[in-house]
Amino acid sequence: MCNILTKQNYFQYKDLQYIQENGLAMGAPTSTIFSEIYLKYLESTKIFDILLKYHIIGYFRYADDVLIMYKSEVTSIR
């Protein structure tokens, strides 16, 4: 089902139609759903461990925007 939906990414620019071969099309209804699923997966598998390892004070996400708060005296992310 996911493959079918991602293969139907097409858009129009200056009276020409294009097919997007990689990734998700911006503004497509399915893009928000797939992005949310992937970000939730990352949060539950990878990001939680990173927050603990680097002593992150705050991690806030709204849709696909992320704000991370940390003390530079304690955390050195490089």
PDB file of N, CA and C in Angstrom:
ATOM      1  N   MET A   1       0.829  -1.187   0.000  1.00  0.00           N
ATOM      2  CA  MET A   1       0.000   0.000   0.000  1.00  0.00           C
ATOM      3  C   MET A   1       0.878   1.258   0.000  1.00  0.00           C
ATOM      4  N   CYS A   2       1.914   1.251   0.848  1.00  0.00           N
ATOM      5  CA  CYS A   2       2.803   2.415   0.912  1.00  0.00           C
ATOM      6  C   CYS A   2       3.515   2.648  -0.415  1.00  0.00           C
ATOM      7  N   ASN A   3       3.961   1.560  -1.040  1.00  0.00           N
ATOM      8  CA  ASN A   3       4.636   1.701  -2.335  1.00  0.00           C
ATOM      9  C   ASN A   3       3.712   2.296  -3.386  1.00  0.00           C
ATOM     10  N   ILE A   4       2.481   1.873  -3.400  1.00  0.00           N
ATOM     11  CA  ILE A   4       1.522   2.403  -4.371  1.00  0.00           C
ATOM     12  C   ILE A   4       1.320   3.894  -4.145  1.00  0.00           C
ATOM     13  N   LEU A   5       1.161   4.283  -2.893  1.00  0.00           N
ATOM     14  CA  LEU A   5       0.925   5.698  -2.597  1.00  0.00           C
ATOM     15  C   LEU A   5       2.128   6.571  -2.910  1.00  0.00           C
ATOM     16  N   THR A   6       3.330   6.096  -2.620  1.00  0.00           N
ATOM     17  CA  THR A   6       4.511   6.926  -2.886  1.00  0.00           C
ATOM     18  C   THR A   6       4.860   6.969  -4.366  1.00  0.00           C
ATOM     19  N   LYS A   7       4.444   5.991  -5.130  1.00  0.00           N
ATOM     20  CA  LYS A   7       4.699   6.007  -6.574  1.00  0.00           C
ATOM     21  C   LYS A   7       3.764   6.978  -7.300  1.00  0.00           C
ATOM     22  N   GLN A   8       2.718   7.434  -6.632  1.00  0.00           N
ATOM     23  CA  GLN A   8       1.757   8.342  -7.257  1.00  0.00           C
ATOM     24  C   GLN A   8       2.039   9.798  -6.904  1.00  0.00           C
ATOM     25  N   ASN A   9       3.305  10.127  -6.648  1.00  0.00           N
ATOM     26  CA  ASN A   9       3.703  11.506  -6.367  1.00  0.00           C
ATOM     27  C   ASN A   9       3.938  12.240  -7.677  1.00  0.00           C
ATOM     28  N   TYR A  10       3.035  13.062  -8.039  1.00  0.00           N
ATOM     29  CA  TYR A  10       3.191  13.854  -9.256  1.00  0.00           C
ATOM     30  C   TYR A  10       2.786  15.293  -8.952  1.00  0.00           C
ATOM     31  N   PHE A  11       3.314  16.213  -9.749  1.00  0.00           N
ATOM     32  CA  PHE A  11       2.989  17.616  -9.559  1.00  0.00           C
ATOM     33  C   PHE A  11       3.064  18.335 -10.892  1.00  0.00           C
ATOM     34  N   GLN A  12       2.516  19.543 -10.908  1.00  0.00           N
ATOM     35  CA  GLN A  12       2.481  20.330 -12.132  1.00  0.00           C
ATOM     36  C   GLN A  12       3.222  21.644 -11.910  1.00  0.00           C
ATOM     37  N   TYR A  13       4.033  22.014 -12.892  1.00  0.00           N
ATOM     38  CA  TYR A  13       4.760  23.280 -12.842  1.00  0.00           C
ATOM     39  C   TYR A  13       4.786  23.864 -14.253  1.00  0.00           C
ATOM     40  N   LYS A  14       4.250  25.074 -14.394  1.00  0.00           N
ATOM     41  CA  LYS A  14       4.181  25.761 -15.691  1.00  0.00           C
ATOM     42  C   LYS A  14       3.602  24.868 -16.787  1.00  0.00           C
ATOM     43  N   ASP A  15       2.418  24.356 -16.533  1.00  0.00           N
ATOM     44  CA  ASP A  15       1.658  23.538 -17.490  1.00  0.00           C
ATOM     45  C   ASP A  15       2.345  22.237 -17.878  1.00  0.00           C
ATOM     46  N   LEU A  16       3.377  21.820 -17.163  1.00  0.00           N
ATOM     47  CA  LEU A  16       4.011  20.525 -17.398  1.00  0.00           C
ATOM     48  C   LEU A  16       3.824  19.657 -16.160  1.00  0.00           C
ATOM     49  N   GLN A  17       3.594  18.372 -16.369  1.00  0.00           N
ATOM     50  CA  GLN A  17       3.432  17.462 -15.247  1.00  0.00           C
ATOM     51  C   GLN A  17       4.712  16.652 -15.050  1.00  0.00           C
ATOM     52  N   TYR A  18       5.087  16.489 -13.785  1.00  0.00           N
ATOM     53  CA  TYR A  18       6.302  15.769 -13.419  1.00  0.00           C
ATOM     54  C   TYR A  18       5.953  14.666 -12.434  1.00  0.00           C
ATOM     55  N   ILE A  19       6.749  13.619 -12.441  1.00  0.00           N
ATOM     56  CA  ILE A  19       6.627  12.551 -11.457  1.00  0.00           C
ATOM     57  C   ILE A  19       7.856  12.605 -10.564  1.00  0.00           C
ATOM     58  N   GLN A  20       7.627  12.688  -9.269  1.00  0.00           N
ATOM     59  CA  GLN A  20       8.725  12.698  -8.311  1.00  0.00           C
ATOM     60  C   GLN A  20       9.137  11.269  -8.040  1.00  0.00           C
ATOM     61  N   GLU A  21      10.385  10.929  -8.360  1.00  0.00           N
ATOM     62  CA  GLU A  21      10.841   9.542  -8.260  1.00  0.00           C
ATOM     63  C   GLU A  21      11.321   9.167  -6.863  1.00  0.00           C
ATOM     64  N   ASN A  22      11.834  10.119  -6.102  1.00  0.00           N
ATOM     65  CA  ASN A  22      12.353   9.838  -4.760  1.00  0.00           C
ATOM     66  C   ASN A  22      11.691  10.751  -3.746  1.00  0.00           C
ATOM     67  N   GLY A  23      11.480  10.230  -2.560  1.00  0.00           N
ATOM     68  CA  GLY A  23      10.963  11.039  -1.471  1.00  0.00           C
ATOM     69  C   GLY A  23       9.470  11.262  -1.557  1.00  0.00           C
ATOM     70  N   LEU A  24       9.018  12.188  -0.743  1.00  0.00           N
ATOM     71  CA  LEU A  24       7.600  12.520  -0.683  1.00  0.00           C
ATOM     72  C   LEU A  24       7.376  13.928  -1.221  1.00  0.00           C
ATOM     73  N   ALA A  25       6.298  14.116  -1.912  1.00  0.00           N
ATOM     74  CA  ALA A  25       5.991  15.427  -2.485  1.00  0.00           C
ATOM     75  C   ALA A  25       5.484  16.365  -1.393  1.00  0.00           C
ATOM     76  N   MET A  26       5.981  17.591  -1.397  1.00  0.00           N
ATOM     77  CA  MET A  26       5.516  18.581  -0.426  1.00  0.00           C
ATOM     78  C   MET A  26       4.062  18.934  -0.728  1.00  0.00           C
ATOM     79  N   GLY A  27       3.251  18.961   0.305  1.00  0.00           N
ATOM     80  CA  GLY A  27       1.855  19.321   0.146  1.00  0.00           C
ATOM     81  C   GLY A  27       0.942  18.163  -0.184  1.00  0.00           C
ATOM     82  N   ALA A  28       1.493  17.015  -0.493  1.00  0.00           N
ATOM     83  CA  ALA A  28       0.648  15.848  -0.784  1.00  0.00           C
ATOM     84  C   ALA A  28       0.040  15.344   0.521  1.00  0.00           C
ATOM     85  N   PRO A  29      -1.217  14.944   0.504  1.00  0.00           N
ATOM     86  CA  PRO A  29      -1.866  14.468   1.734  1.00  0.00           C
ATOM     87  C   PRO A  29      -1.146  13.300   2.390  1.00  0.00           C
ATOM     88  N   THR A  30      -0.567  12.405   1.595  1.00  0.00           N
ATOM     89  CA  THR A  30       0.106  11.248   2.176  1.00  0.00           C
ATOM     90  C   THR A  30       1.460  11.605   2.790  1.00  0.00           C
ATOM     91  N   SER A  31       2.057  12.697   2.352  1.00  0.00           N
ATOM     92  CA  SER A  31       3.377  13.088   2.867  1.00  0.00           C
ATOM     93  C   SER A  31       3.338  13.367   4.362  1.00  0.00           C
ATOM     94  N   THR A  32       2.300  14.038   4.825  1.00  0.00           N
ATOM     95  CA  THR A  32       2.216  14.347   6.255  1.00  0.00           C
ATOM     96  C   THR A  32       2.061  13.075   7.085  1.00  0.00           C
ATOM     97  N   ILE A  33       1.292  12.141   6.571  1.00  0.00           N
ATOM     98  CA  ILE A  33       1.071  10.891   7.309  1.00  0.00           C
ATOM     99  C   ILE A  33       2.361  10.074   7.391  1.00  0.00           C
ATOM    100  N   PHE A  34       3.044   9.912   6.253  1.00  0.00           N
ATOM    101  CA  PHE A  34       4.286   9.139   6.247  1.00  0.00           C
ATOM    102  C   PHE A  34       5.375   9.829   7.063  1.00  0.00           C
ATOM    103  N   SER A  35       5.437  11.144   7.009  1.00  0.00           N
ATOM    104  CA  SER A  35       6.426  11.880   7.798  1.00  0.00           C
ATOM    105  C   SER A  35       6.177  11.692   9.290  1.00  0.00           C
ATOM    106  N   GLU A  36       4.930  11.766   9.696  1.00  0.00           N
ATOM    107  CA  GLU A  36       4.579  11.586  11.107  1.00  0.00           C
ATOM    108  C   GLU A  36       4.932  10.177  11.580  1.00  0.00           C
ATOM    109  N   ILE A  37       4.631   9.189  10.777  1.00  0.00           N
ATOM    110  CA  ILE A  37       4.950   7.802  11.137  1.00  0.00           C
ATOM    111  C   ILE A  37       6.455   7.633  11.291  1.00  0.00           C
ATOM    112  N   TYR A  38       7.222   8.177  10.358  1.00  0.00           N
ATOM    113  CA  TYR A  38       8.680   8.032  10.419  1.00  0.00           C
ATOM    114  C   TYR A  38       9.268   8.784  11.604  1.00  0.00           C
ATOM    115  N   LEU A  39       8.800  10.003  11.873  1.00  0.00           N
ATOM    116  CA  LEU A  39       9.315  10.747  13.026  1.00  0.00           C
ATOM    117  C   LEU A  39       8.969  10.056  14.343  1.00  0.00           C
ATOM    118  N   LYS A  40       7.781   9.500  14.449  1.00  0.00           N
ATOM    119  CA  LYS A  40       7.417   8.746  15.660  1.00  0.00           C
ATOM    120  C   LYS A  40       8.328   7.530  15.829  1.00  0.00           C
ATOM    121  N   TYR A  41       8.632   6.870  14.716  1.00  0.00           N
ATOM    122  CA  TYR A  41       9.545   5.730  14.767  1.00  0.00           C
ATOM    123  C   TYR A  41      10.926   6.165  15.257  1.00  0.00           C
ATOM    124  N   LEU A  42      11.447   7.261  14.703  1.00  0.00           N
ATOM    125  CA  LEU A  42      12.759   7.755  15.135  1.00  0.00           C
ATOM    126  C   LEU A  42      12.756   8.147  16.603  1.00  0.00           C
ATOM    127  N   GLU A  43      11.679   8.797  17.039  1.00  0.00           N
ATOM    128  CA  GLU A  43      11.603   9.203  18.443  1.00  0.00           C
ATOM    129  C   GLU A  43      11.628   7.996  19.372  1.00  0.00           C
ATOM    130  N   SER A  44      10.932   6.950  19.008  1.00  0.00           N
ATOM    131  CA  SER A  44      10.850   5.800  19.909  1.00  0.00           C
ATOM    132  C   SER A  44      12.080   4.901  19.839  1.00  0.00           C
ATOM    133  N   THR A  45      12.846   4.943  18.743  1.00  0.00           N
ATOM    134  CA  THR A  45      13.987   4.044  18.623  1.00  0.00           C
ATOM    135  C   THR A  45      15.333   4.721  18.804  1.00  0.00           C
ATOM    136  N   LYS A  46      15.501   5.915  18.324  1.00  0.00           N
ATOM    137  CA  LYS A  46      16.819   6.561  18.311  1.00  0.00           C
ATOM    138  C   LYS A  46      16.895   7.810  19.185  1.00  0.00           C
ATOM    139  N   ILE A  47      15.933   8.690  19.035  1.00  0.00           N
ATOM    140  CA  ILE A  47      16.026  10.003  19.669  1.00  0.00           C
ATOM    141  C   ILE A  47      15.987   9.902  21.189  1.00  0.00           C
ATOM    142  N   PHE A  48      15.186   9.006  21.736  1.00  0.00           N
ATOM    143  CA  PHE A  48      15.115   8.871  23.190  1.00  0.00           C
ATOM    144  C   PHE A  48      16.482   8.533  23.770  1.00  0.00           C
ATOM    145  N   ASP A  49      17.205   7.635  23.121  1.00  0.00           N
ATOM    146  CA  ASP A  49      18.551   7.271  23.591  1.00  0.00           C
ATOM    147  C   ASP A  49      19.515   8.451  23.498  1.00  0.00           C
ATOM    148  N   ILE A  50      19.409   9.226  22.449  1.00  0.00           N
ATOM    149  CA  ILE A  50      20.271  10.402  22.286  1.00  0.00           C
ATOM    150  C   ILE A  50      19.982  11.435  23.376  1.00  0.00           C
ATOM    151  N   LEU A  51      18.702  11.626  23.701  1.00  0.00           N
ATOM    152  CA  LEU A  51      18.336  12.580  24.761  1.00  0.00           C
ATOM    153  C   LEU A  51      18.967  12.188  26.093  1.00  0.00           C
ATOM    154  N   LEU A  52      18.947  10.908  26.407  1.00  0.00           N
ATOM    155  CA  LEU A  52      19.541  10.448  27.664  1.00  0.00           C
ATOM    156  C   LEU A  52      21.059  10.525  27.629  1.00  0.00           C
ATOM    157  N   LYS A  53      21.652  10.121  26.538  1.00  0.00           N
ATOM    158  CA  LYS A  53      23.110  10.074  26.426  1.00  0.00           C
ATOM    159  C   LYS A  53      23.731  11.463  26.549  1.00  0.00           C
ATOM    160  N   TYR A  54      23.127  12.461  25.921  1.00  0.00           N
ATOM    161  CA  TYR A  54      23.707  13.802  25.894  1.00  0.00           C
ATOM    162  C   TYR A  54      23.065  14.771  26.891  1.00  0.00           C
ATOM    163  N   HIS A  55      22.257  14.245  27.802  1.00  0.00           N
ATOM    164  CA  HIS A  55      21.644  15.055  28.874  1.00  0.00           C
ATOM    165  C   HIS A  55      20.871  16.249  28.304  1.00  0.00           C
ATOM    166  N   ILE A  56      20.024  15.993  27.337  1.00  0.00           N
ATOM    167  CA  ILE A  56      19.211  17.037  26.719  1.00  0.00           C
ATOM    168  C   ILE A  56      18.137  17.472  27.709  1.00  0.00           C
ATOM    169  N   ILE A  57      17.974  18.776  27.869  1.00  0.00           N
ATOM    170  CA  ILE A  57      16.992  19.318  28.806  1.00  0.00           C
ATOM    171  C   ILE A  57      15.579  19.210  28.246  1.00  0.00           C
ATOM    172  N   GLY A  58      15.422  19.579  26.981  1.00  0.00           N
ATOM    173  CA  GLY A  58      14.086  19.570  26.400  1.00  0.00           C
ATOM    174  C   GLY A  58      14.101  19.203  24.931  1.00  0.00           C
ATOM    175  N   TYR A  59      13.107  18.461  24.529  1.00  0.00           N
ATOM    176  CA  TYR A  59      12.911  18.085  23.129  1.00  0.00           C
ATOM    177  C   TYR A  59      11.443  18.333  22.821  1.00  0.00           C
ATOM    178  N   PHE A  60      11.183  19.242  21.895  1.00  0.00           N
ATOM    179  CA  PHE A  60       9.823  19.615  21.561  1.00  0.00           C
ATOM    180  C   PHE A  60       9.641  19.505  20.051  1.00  0.00           C
ATOM    181  N   ARG A  61       8.518  18.940  19.652  1.00  0.00           N
ATOM    182  CA  ARG A  61       8.246  18.790  18.224  1.00  0.00           C
ATOM    183  C   ARG A  61       6.815  19.188  17.937  1.00  0.00           C
ATOM    184  N   TYR A  62       6.642  19.964  16.877  1.00  0.00           N
ATOM    185  CA  TYR A  62       5.321  20.289  16.355  1.00  0.00           C
ATOM    186  C   TYR A  62       5.364  19.982  14.866  1.00  0.00           C
ATOM    187  N   ALA A  63       4.599  18.997  14.447  1.00  0.00           N
ATOM    188  CA  ALA A  63       4.620  18.513  13.056  1.00  0.00           C
ATOM    189  C   ALA A  63       6.046  18.083  12.720  1.00  0.00           C
ATOM    190  N   ASP A  64       6.730  18.794  11.826  1.00  0.00           N
ATOM    191  CA  ASP A  64       8.100  18.403  11.468  1.00  0.00           C
ATOM    192  C   ASP A  64       9.140  19.407  11.957  1.00  0.00           C
ATOM    193  N   ASP A  65       8.743  20.306  12.843  1.00  0.00           N
ATOM    194  CA  ASP A  65       9.675  21.269  13.433  1.00  0.00           C
ATOM    195  C   ASP A  65      10.130  20.754  14.794  1.00  0.00           C
ATOM    196  N   VAL A  66      11.436  20.815  15.045  1.00  0.00           N
ATOM    197  CA  VAL A  66      11.993  20.293  16.295  1.00  0.00           C
ATOM    198  C   VAL A  66      12.798  21.381  16.996  1.00  0.00           C
ATOM    199  N   LEU A  67      12.605  21.507  18.301  1.00  0.00           N
ATOM    200  CA  LEU A  67      13.385  22.407  19.139  1.00  0.00           C
ATOM    201  C   LEU A  67      14.049  21.556  20.214  1.00  0.00           C
ATOM    202  N   ILE A  68      15.372  21.651  20.300  1.00  0.00           N
ATOM    203  CA  ILE A  68      16.127  20.896  21.307  1.00  0.00           C
ATOM    204  C   ILE A  68      16.831  21.893  22.212  1.00  0.00           C
ATOM    205  N   MET A  69      16.681  21.710  23.525  1.00  0.00           N
ATOM    206  CA  MET A  69      17.318  22.589  24.497  1.00  0.00           C
ATOM    207  C   MET A  69      18.353  21.801  25.279  1.00  0.00           C
ATOM    208  N   TYR A  70      19.537  22.411  25.452  1.00  0.00           N
ATOM    209  CA  TYR A  70      20.593  21.770  26.218  1.00  0.00           C
ATOM    210  C   TYR A  70      21.494  22.831  26.810  1.00  0.00           C
ATOM    211  N   LYS A  71      22.246  22.444  27.853  1.00  0.00           N
ATOM    212  CA  LYS A  71      23.227  23.328  28.458  1.00  0.00           C
ATOM    213  C   LYS A  71      24.571  23.030  27.830  1.00  0.00           C
ATOM    214  N   SER A  72      25.191  24.051  27.272  1.00  0.00           N
ATOM    215  CA  SER A  72      26.468  23.845  26.570  1.00  0.00           C
ATOM    216  C   SER A  72      27.584  23.432  27.535  1.00  0.00           C
ATOM    217  N   GLU A  73      27.443  23.748  28.832  1.00  0.00           N
ATOM    218  CA  GLU A  73      28.442  23.338  29.814  1.00  0.00           C
ATOM    219  C   GLU A  73      28.415  21.830  30.040  1.00  0.00           C
ATOM    220  N   VAL A  74      27.244  21.220  29.875  1.00  0.00           N
ATOM    221  CA  VAL A  74      27.069  19.795  30.155  1.00  0.00           C
ATOM    222  C   VAL A  74      27.120  18.973  28.870  1.00  0.00           C
ATOM    223  N   THR A  75      26.549  19.512  27.806  1.00  0.00           N
ATOM    224  CA  THR A  75      26.389  18.757  26.555  1.00  0.00           C
ATOM    225  C   THR A  75      27.306  19.311  25.480  1.00  0.00           C
ATOM    226  N   SER A  76      28.045  18.433  24.860  1.00  0.00           N
ATOM    227  CA  SER A  76      28.888  18.803  23.741  1.00  0.00           C
ATOM    228  C   SER A  76      28.525  17.917  22.546  1.00  0.00           C
ATOM    229  N   ILE A  77      27.644  18.421  21.721  1.00  0.00           N
ATOM    230  CA  ILE A  77      27.187  17.654  20.558  1.00  0.00           C
ATOM    231  C   ILE A  77      28.009  18.047  19.363  1.00  0.00           C
ATOM    232  N   ARG A  78      28.718  17.093  18.798  1.00  0.00           N
ATOM    233  CA  ARG A  78      29.553  17.365  17.612  1.00  0.00           C
ATOM    234  C   ARG A  78      29.448  16.263  16.631  1.00  0.00           C
TER     235      ARG A  78
END
